């Protein structure tokens, strides 16, 4: 029950919270209050977290990543396929260009080409722009709710763990690329239907398949331009 309570609190906080924002050189400050990966709801009678669904059926994720995982099956949205496109902008090969208005990310291949991916971006009030570099990369990254978030959620009766281990239930998905010395990341998601929308707190969200592909290609030190 304790493990279930922790997971439940983490999932509920992931619904209502946004990532803590940090300033980055040349970037307008964004006032984030946590991370908002999806719209799960908690069913108190069954003591489970219910995934979004378009019908009356319930798809439940009610165990941590170390136990059985039942991922949503009714909320299936065809992925937006990545593809090679013409790209004439003068950025070095290996650069990452994030077009928040278009909700697309371009990985520069060189020779006038780029690999184009669909992304999710910051919702209204959480958009930002700037230039930095990839400082770190992680597979199945941990989620560490900031102290401010834990305090706020505790005041509402939700006990968040200091650390949520990486895995299928983790809001950061399969891979994360860390932008500079901020808490902004390019990362995967456990809610792929949100890719192509503006509902994050500033992080750049990709499907797990796409972020794994980008992770393999992108190098630490690669230039990142968000516009």
C-alpha atoms as a PDB file:
ATOM      1  CA  UNK A   1       0.000   0.000   0.000  1.00  0.00           C
ATOM      2  CA  UNK A   2       2.859   2.401   0.773  1.00  0.00           C
ATOM      3  CA  UNK A   3       4.390   1.863  -2.674  1.00  0.00           C
ATOM      4  CA  UNK A   4       0.997   2.312  -4.320  1.00  0.00           C
ATOM      5  CA  UNK A   5       0.390   5.510  -2.333  1.00  0.00           C
ATOM      6  CA  UNK A   6       3.753   6.892  -3.437  1.00  0.00           C
ATOM      7  CA  UNK A   7       3.066   6.085  -7.091  1.00  0.00           C
ATOM      8  CA  UNK A   8      -0.423   7.508  -6.861  1.00  0.00           C
ATOM      9  CA  UNK A   9       0.875  10.740  -5.366  1.00  0.00           C
ATOM     10  CA  UNK A  10       3.595  10.976  -8.013  1.00  0.00           C
ATOM     11  CA  UNK A  11       1.117  10.454 -10.833  1.00  0.00           C
ATOM     12  CA  UNK A  12      -1.329  12.988  -9.368  1.00  0.00           C
ATOM     13  CA  UNK A  13       1.440  15.511  -8.964  1.00  0.00           C
ATOM     14  CA  UNK A  14       2.554  14.879 -12.534  1.00  0.00           C
ATOM     15  CA  UNK A  15      -0.940  15.848 -13.660  1.00  0.00           C
ATOM     16  CA  UNK A  16      -1.098  19.114 -11.762  1.00  0.00           C
ATOM     17  CA  UNK A  17       2.509  20.206 -11.520  1.00  0.00           C
ATOM     18  CA  UNK A  18       4.984  21.833 -13.945  1.00  0.00           C
ATOM     19  CA  UNK A  19       8.824  21.722 -13.966  1.00  0.00           C
ATOM     20  CA  UNK A  20      10.684  24.284 -11.872  1.00  0.00           C
ATOM     21  CA  UNK A  21      12.083  26.917 -14.184  1.00  0.00           C
ATOM     22  CA  UNK A  22      15.615  28.245 -14.272  1.00  0.00           C
ATOM     23  CA  UNK A  23      17.007  31.136 -16.255  1.00  0.00           C
ATOM     24  CA  UNK A  24      19.404  30.452 -19.082  1.00  0.00           C
ATOM     25  CA  UNK A  25      21.708  32.969 -20.756  1.00  0.00           C
ATOM     26  CA  UNK A  26      19.714  34.677 -23.455  1.00  0.00           C
ATOM     27  CA  UNK A  27      16.463  32.974 -22.424  1.00  0.00           C
ATOM     28  CA  UNK A  28      13.424  34.706 -21.040  1.00  0.00           C
ATOM     29  CA  UNK A  29      12.631  33.394 -17.569  1.00  0.00           C
ATOM     30  CA  UNK A  30       9.714  30.980 -17.372  1.00  0.00           C
ATOM     31  CA  UNK A  31       7.831  30.619 -14.123  1.00  0.00           C
ATOM     32  CA  UNK A  32       7.268  26.860 -13.891  1.00  0.00           C
ATOM     33  CA  UNK A  33       5.586  25.142 -11.006  1.00  0.00           C
ATOM     34  CA  UNK A  34       6.059  21.492 -11.943  1.00  0.00           C
ATOM     35  CA  UNK A  35       5.694  19.049 -14.797  1.00  0.00           C
ATOM     36  CA  UNK A  36       2.414  18.276 -16.520  1.00  0.00           C
ATOM     37  CA  UNK A  37       2.754  15.172 -18.681  1.00  0.00           C
ATOM     38  CA  UNK A  38      -0.863  13.996 -18.911  1.00  0.00           C
ATOM     39  CA  UNK A  39      -4.407  14.093 -17.567  1.00  0.00           C
ATOM     40  CA  UNK A  40      -4.658  11.008 -15.381  1.00  0.00           C
ATOM     41  CA  UNK A  41      -7.320  10.926 -12.661  1.00  0.00           C
ATOM     42  CA  UNK A  42      -7.403   9.089  -9.370  1.00  0.00           C
ATOM     43  CA  UNK A  43     -10.268   6.702  -8.519  1.00  0.00           C
ATOM     44  CA  UNK A  44     -10.408   6.645  -4.729  1.00  0.00           C
ATOM     45  CA  UNK A  45     -12.844   3.729  -4.553  1.00  0.00           C
ATOM     46  CA  UNK A  46     -10.554   1.430  -6.526  1.00  0.00           C
ATOM     47  CA  UNK A  47      -7.336   3.097  -5.342  1.00  0.00           C
ATOM     48  CA  UNK A  48      -5.988   3.242  -8.896  1.00  0.00           C
ATOM     49  CA  UNK A  49      -4.845   5.868 -11.370  1.00  0.00           C
ATOM     50  CA  UNK A  50      -6.984   5.987 -14.512  1.00  0.00           C
ATOM     51  CA  UNK A  51      -5.438   6.792 -17.884  1.00  0.00           C
ATOM     52  CA  UNK A  52      -7.292   9.094 -20.313  1.00  0.00           C
ATOM     53  CA  UNK A  53      -9.736   7.142 -22.463  1.00  0.00           C
ATOM     54  CA  UNK A  54     -12.181   7.928 -25.242  1.00  0.00           C
ATOM     55  CA  UNK A  55     -14.627   5.244 -24.166  1.00  0.00           C
ATOM     56  CA  UNK A  56     -16.059   3.851 -20.978  1.00  0.00           C
ATOM     57  CA  UNK A  57     -13.323   1.252 -20.575  1.00  0.00           C
ATOM     58  CA  UNK A  58     -10.635   1.929 -18.003  1.00  0.00           C
ATOM     59  CA  UNK A  59      -6.958   1.402 -18.654  1.00  0.00           C
ATOM     60  CA  UNK A  60      -5.081   1.405 -15.400  1.00  0.00           C
ATOM     61  CA  UNK A  61      -1.492   1.893 -14.382  1.00  0.00           C
ATOM     62  CA  UNK A  62      -1.521   1.058 -10.700  1.00  0.00           C
ATOM     63  CA  UNK A  63       1.896  -0.465 -10.020  1.00  0.00           C
ATOM     64  CA  UNK A  64       5.409   0.999 -10.097  1.00  0.00           C
ATOM     65  CA  UNK A  65       7.815   0.159 -12.900  1.00  0.00           C
ATOM     66  CA  UNK A  66       9.205  -2.778 -10.918  1.00  0.00           C
ATOM     67  CA  UNK A  67       5.851  -4.560 -11.032  1.00  0.00           C
ATOM     68  CA  UNK A  68       3.308  -5.412 -13.748  1.00  0.00           C
ATOM     69  CA  UNK A  69       2.667  -2.473 -16.040  1.00  0.00           C
ATOM     70  CA  UNK A  70      -0.591  -2.026 -17.912  1.00  0.00           C
ATOM     71  CA  UNK A  71      -0.249   0.911 -20.255  1.00  0.00           C
ATOM     72  CA  UNK A  72      -3.196   2.694 -21.909  1.00  0.00           C
ATOM     73  CA  UNK A  73      -4.731   0.789 -24.819  1.00  0.00           C
ATOM     74  CA  UNK A  74      -7.805   2.799 -25.777  1.00  0.00           C
ATOM     75  CA  UNK A  75      -6.078   6.148 -26.265  1.00  0.00           C
ATOM     76  CA  UNK A  76      -4.175   5.322 -29.439  1.00  0.00           C
ATOM     77  CA  UNK A  77      -3.109   8.181 -31.683  1.00  0.00           C
ATOM     78  CA  UNK A  78      -1.126   7.490 -34.859  1.00  0.00           C
ATOM     79  CA  UNK A  79       2.406   8.843 -34.388  1.00  0.00           C
ATOM     80  CA  UNK A  80       3.618  11.731 -36.517  1.00  0.00           C
ATOM     81  CA  UNK A  81       6.442  10.108 -38.454  1.00  0.00           C
ATOM     82  CA  UNK A  82       9.904  11.666 -38.418  1.00  0.00           C
ATOM     83  CA  UNK A  83      11.321  12.341 -41.867  1.00  0.00           C
ATOM     84  CA  UNK A  84      14.287  13.841 -43.693  1.00  0.00           C
ATOM     85  CA  UNK A  85      13.528  17.301 -45.107  1.00  0.00           C
ATOM     86  CA  UNK A  86      15.345  20.076 -46.898  1.00  0.00           C
ATOM     87  CA  UNK A  87      16.966  22.482 -44.423  1.00  0.00           C
ATOM     88  CA  UNK A  88      18.921  25.481 -45.672  1.00  0.00           C
ATOM     89  CA  UNK A  89      19.586  27.324 -42.401  1.00  0.00           C
ATOM     90  CA  UNK A  90      23.285  27.842 -41.572  1.00  0.00           C
ATOM     91  CA  UNK A  91      23.596  25.666 -38.471  1.00  0.00           C
ATOM     92  CA  UNK A  92      26.433  23.187 -37.924  1.00  0.00           C
ATOM     93  CA  UNK A  93      25.837  19.510 -38.559  1.00  0.00           C
ATOM     94  CA  UNK A  94      24.539  17.882 -35.384  1.00  0.00           C
ATOM     95  CA  UNK A  95      22.711  21.004 -34.160  1.00  0.00           C
ATOM     96  CA  UNK A  96      19.196  20.741 -32.735  1.00  0.00           C
ATOM     97  CA  UNK A  97      16.695  23.413 -33.774  1.00  0.00           C
ATOM     98  CA  UNK A  98      13.400  23.552 -31.873  1.00  0.00           C
ATOM     99  CA  UNK A  99      10.596  25.451 -33.611  1.00  0.00           C
ATOM    100  CA  UNK A 100       7.994  25.864 -30.875  1.00  0.00           C
ATOM    101  CA  UNK A 101       5.478  27.550 -33.166  1.00  0.00           C
ATOM    102  CA  UNK A 102       5.596  24.696 -35.646  1.00  0.00           C
ATOM    103  CA  UNK A 103       5.956  22.144 -32.818  1.00  0.00           C
ATOM    104  CA  UNK A 104       8.765  20.444 -34.653  1.00  0.00           C
ATOM    105  CA  UNK A 105      12.408  19.683 -33.873  1.00  0.00           C
ATOM    106  CA  UNK A 106      15.091  19.587 -36.545  1.00  0.00           C
ATOM    107  CA  UNK A 107      18.294  17.606 -36.178  1.00  0.00           C
ATOM    108  CA  UNK A 108      20.728  19.040 -38.734  1.00  0.00           C
ATOM    109  CA  UNK A 109      22.226  16.325 -40.952  1.00  0.00           C
ATOM    110  CA  UNK A 110      24.289  18.656 -43.135  1.00  0.00           C
ATOM    111  CA  UNK A 111      24.307  18.992 -46.927  1.00  0.00           C
ATOM    112  CA  UNK A 112      21.060  20.968 -46.806  1.00  0.00           C
ATOM    113  CA  UNK A 113      19.080  18.301 -44.935  1.00  0.00           C
ATOM    114  CA  UNK A 114      17.623  17.771 -41.478  1.00  0.00           C
ATOM    115  CA  UNK A 115      15.644  15.097 -39.673  1.00  0.00           C
ATOM    116  CA  UNK A 116      12.288  16.517 -38.637  1.00  0.00           C
ATOM    117  CA  UNK A 117      10.473  15.252 -35.513  1.00  0.00           C
ATOM    118  CA  UNK A 118       7.109  16.123 -33.949  1.00  0.00           C
ATOM    119  CA  UNK A 119       7.335  17.553 -30.426  1.00  0.00           C
ATOM    120  CA  UNK A 120       5.221  18.807 -27.567  1.00  0.00           C
ATOM    121  CA  UNK A 121       6.090  22.282 -26.257  1.00  0.00           C
ATOM    122  CA  UNK A 122       5.369  24.631 -23.375  1.00  0.00           C
ATOM    123  CA  UNK A 123       1.787  25.660 -22.835  1.00  0.00           C
ATOM    124  CA  UNK A 124       0.732  29.314 -22.730  1.00  0.00           C
ATOM    125  CA  UNK A 125       2.875  31.184 -20.233  1.00  0.00           C
ATOM    126  CA  UNK A 126       5.646  28.586 -20.311  1.00  0.00           C
ATOM    127  CA  UNK A 127       7.149  29.127 -23.739  1.00  0.00           C
ATOM    128  CA  UNK A 128      10.733  30.306 -24.015  1.00  0.00           C
ATOM    129  CA  UNK A 129      13.507  30.782 -26.527  1.00  0.00           C
ATOM    130  CA  UNK A 130      17.270  30.806 -26.441  1.00  0.00           C
ATOM    131  CA  UNK A 131      20.489  29.070 -27.357  1.00  0.00           C
ATOM    132  CA  UNK A 132      22.565  26.581 -25.346  1.00  0.00           C
ATOM    133  CA  UNK A 133      24.158  23.140 -25.631  1.00  0.00           C
ATOM    134  CA  UNK A 134      23.367  19.577 -24.610  1.00  0.00           C
ATOM    135  CA  UNK A 135      25.098  19.131 -21.265  1.00  0.00           C
ATOM    136  CA  UNK A 136      24.120  15.542 -20.490  1.00  0.00           C
ATOM    137  CA  UNK A 137      22.165  12.547 -21.780  1.00  0.00           C
ATOM    138  CA  UNK A 138      20.426   9.819 -19.773  1.00  0.00           C
ATOM    139  CA  UNK A 139      18.601   6.597 -20.535  1.00  0.00           C
ATOM    140  CA  UNK A 140      15.376   6.027 -18.599  1.00  0.00           C
ATOM    141  CA  UNK A 141      16.023   9.118 -16.472  1.00  0.00           C
ATOM    142  CA  UNK A 142      14.874   9.496 -12.892  1.00  0.00           C
ATOM    143  CA  UNK A 143      12.277  12.099 -12.025  1.00  0.00           C
ATOM    144  CA  UNK A 144      13.244  14.194  -9.004  1.00  0.00           C
ATOM    145  CA  UNK A 145      10.404  16.507  -7.982  1.00  0.00           C
ATOM    146  CA  UNK A 146      11.896  19.806  -6.734  1.00  0.00           C
ATOM    147  CA  UNK A 147      11.545  20.677  -3.061  1.00  0.00           C
ATOM    148  CA  UNK A 148       9.037  23.434  -3.869  1.00  0.00           C
ATOM    149  CA  UNK A 149       6.792  20.939  -5.631  1.00  0.00           C
ATOM    150  CA  UNK A 150       6.993  18.412  -2.810  1.00  0.00           C
ATOM    151  CA  UNK A 151       6.140  21.067  -0.241  1.00  0.00           C
ATOM    152  CA  UNK A 152       3.192  22.310  -2.266  1.00  0.00           C
ATOM    153  CA  UNK A 153       1.840  18.820  -2.845  1.00  0.00           C
ATOM    154  CA  UNK A 154       2.356  17.875   0.819  1.00  0.00           C
ATOM    155  CA  UNK A 155       0.189  20.840   1.781  1.00  0.00           C
ATOM    156  CA  UNK A 156      -2.554  19.256  -0.329  1.00  0.00           C
ATOM    157  CA  UNK A 157      -2.093  15.844   1.247  1.00  0.00           C
ATOM    158  CA  UNK A 158       0.010  14.332  -1.565  1.00  0.00           C
ATOM    159  CA  UNK A 159       3.312  12.818  -0.479  1.00  0.00           C
ATOM    160  CA  UNK A 160       5.824  12.840  -3.336  1.00  0.00           C
ATOM    161  CA  UNK A 161       9.005  10.787  -3.306  1.00  0.00           C
ATOM    162  CA  UNK A 162      12.295  12.610  -3.520  1.00  0.00           C
ATOM    163  CA  UNK A 163      13.099  10.408  -6.508  1.00  0.00           C
ATOM    164  CA  UNK A 164      10.963   8.414  -8.929  1.00  0.00           C
ATOM    165  CA  UNK A 165      13.025   5.762 -10.712  1.00  0.00           C
ATOM    166  CA  UNK A 166      13.101   5.715 -14.486  1.00  0.00           C
ATOM    167  CA  UNK A 167      10.759   3.298 -16.217  1.00  0.00           C
ATOM    168  CA  UNK A 168       7.536   3.024 -18.230  1.00  0.00           C
ATOM    169  CA  UNK A 169       5.534   4.954 -15.619  1.00  0.00           C
ATOM    170  CA  UNK A 170       8.002   7.845 -15.393  1.00  0.00           C
ATOM    171  CA  UNK A 171       6.843  11.119 -17.024  1.00  0.00           C
ATOM    172  CA  UNK A 172      10.287  11.689 -18.599  1.00  0.00           C
ATOM    173  CA  UNK A 173      10.025   8.615 -20.788  1.00  0.00           C
ATOM    174  CA  UNK A 174      12.835   6.543 -22.284  1.00  0.00           C
ATOM    175  CA  UNK A 175      15.565   9.158 -22.787  1.00  0.00           C
ATOM    176  CA  UNK A 176      16.450  12.712 -21.781  1.00  0.00           C
ATOM    177  CA  UNK A 177      18.868  15.255 -23.218  1.00  0.00           C
ATOM    178  CA  UNK A 178      19.640  18.027 -20.737  1.00  0.00           C
ATOM    179  CA  UNK A 179      19.873  21.588 -22.014  1.00  0.00           C
ATOM    180  CA  UNK A 180      22.677  23.558 -20.383  1.00  0.00           C
ATOM    181  CA  UNK A 181      22.536  24.100 -16.624  1.00  0.00           C
ATOM    182  CA  UNK A 182      18.766  24.403 -16.547  1.00  0.00           C
ATOM    183  CA  UNK A 183      16.002  21.934 -15.763  1.00  0.00           C
ATOM    184  CA  UNK A 184      14.811  22.106 -19.359  1.00  0.00           C
ATOM    185  CA  UNK A 185      15.109  18.811 -21.190  1.00  0.00           C
ATOM    186  CA  UNK A 186      14.316  17.181 -24.481  1.00  0.00           C
ATOM    187  CA  UNK A 187      12.751  13.957 -23.298  1.00  0.00           C
ATOM    188  CA  UNK A 188      10.355  11.136 -23.996  1.00  0.00           C
ATOM    189  CA  UNK A 189       6.922  10.656 -22.516  1.00  0.00           C
ATOM    190  CA  UNK A 190       4.521   8.049 -21.194  1.00  0.00           C
ATOM    191  CA  UNK A 191       1.677   9.990 -22.858  1.00  0.00           C
ATOM    192  CA  UNK A 192       2.534   9.973 -26.584  1.00  0.00           C
ATOM    193  CA  UNK A 193      -0.831  11.485 -27.550  1.00  0.00           C
ATOM    194  CA  UNK A 194       0.401  14.806 -26.113  1.00  0.00           C
ATOM    195  CA  UNK A 195       3.170  15.112 -28.724  1.00  0.00           C
ATOM    196  CA  UNK A 196       2.249  17.827 -31.207  1.00  0.00           C
ATOM    197  CA  UNK A 197       0.468  19.900 -28.549  1.00  0.00           C
ATOM    198  CA  UNK A 198       1.426  22.771 -26.233  1.00  0.00           C
ATOM    199  CA  UNK A 199       0.904  21.478 -22.700  1.00  0.00           C
ATOM    200  CA  UNK A 200       4.300  21.111 -21.011  1.00  0.00           C
ATOM    201  CA  UNK A 201       5.975  23.507 -18.600  1.00  0.00           C
ATOM    202  CA  UNK A 202       8.780  24.311 -21.012  1.00  0.00           C
ATOM    203  CA  UNK A 203      10.435  20.955 -21.640  1.00  0.00           C
ATOM    204  CA  UNK A 204      10.460  19.583 -25.176  1.00  0.00           C
ATOM    205  CA  UNK A 205       8.532  16.330 -25.362  1.00  0.00           C
ATOM    206  CA  UNK A 206       8.920  13.561 -27.963  1.00  0.00           C
ATOM    207  CA  UNK A 207       7.572  10.058 -28.394  1.00  0.00           C
ATOM    208  CA  UNK A 208       9.838   7.448 -26.880  1.00  0.00           C
ATOM    209  CA  UNK A 209      10.700   6.060 -30.324  1.00  0.00           C
ATOM    210  CA  UNK A 210      11.738   9.493 -31.549  1.00  0.00           C
ATOM    211  CA  UNK A 211      13.712  10.490 -28.465  1.00  0.00           C
ATOM    212  CA  UNK A 212      15.605   7.193 -28.596  1.00  0.00           C
ATOM    213  CA  UNK A 213      16.476   7.944 -32.213  1.00  0.00           C
ATOM    214  CA  UNK A 214      17.568  11.508 -31.392  1.00  0.00           C
ATOM    215  CA  UNK A 215      19.521  10.307 -28.350  1.00  0.00           C
ATOM    216  CA  UNK A 216      21.515   7.971 -30.577  1.00  0.00           C
ATOM    217  CA  UNK A 217      22.351  10.758 -33.025  1.00  0.00           C
ATOM    218  CA  UNK A 218      22.907  13.809 -30.800  1.00  0.00           C
ATOM    219  CA  UNK A 219      26.192  14.398 -29.011  1.00  0.00           C
ATOM    220  CA  UNK A 220      26.925  16.053 -25.682  1.00  0.00           C
ATOM    221  CA  UNK A 221      27.977  19.593 -26.552  1.00  0.00           C
ATOM    222  CA  UNK A 222      25.605  19.843 -29.526  1.00  0.00           C
ATOM    223  CA  UNK A 223      24.124  23.286 -30.063  1.00  0.00           C
ATOM    224  CA  UNK A 224      20.437  23.698 -29.193  1.00  0.00           C
ATOM    225  CA  UNK A 225      18.410  26.602 -30.549  1.00  0.00           C
ATOM    226  CA  UNK A 226      14.868  27.101 -29.236  1.00  0.00           C
ATOM    227  CA  UNK A 227      12.766  29.686 -31.010  1.00  0.00           C
END
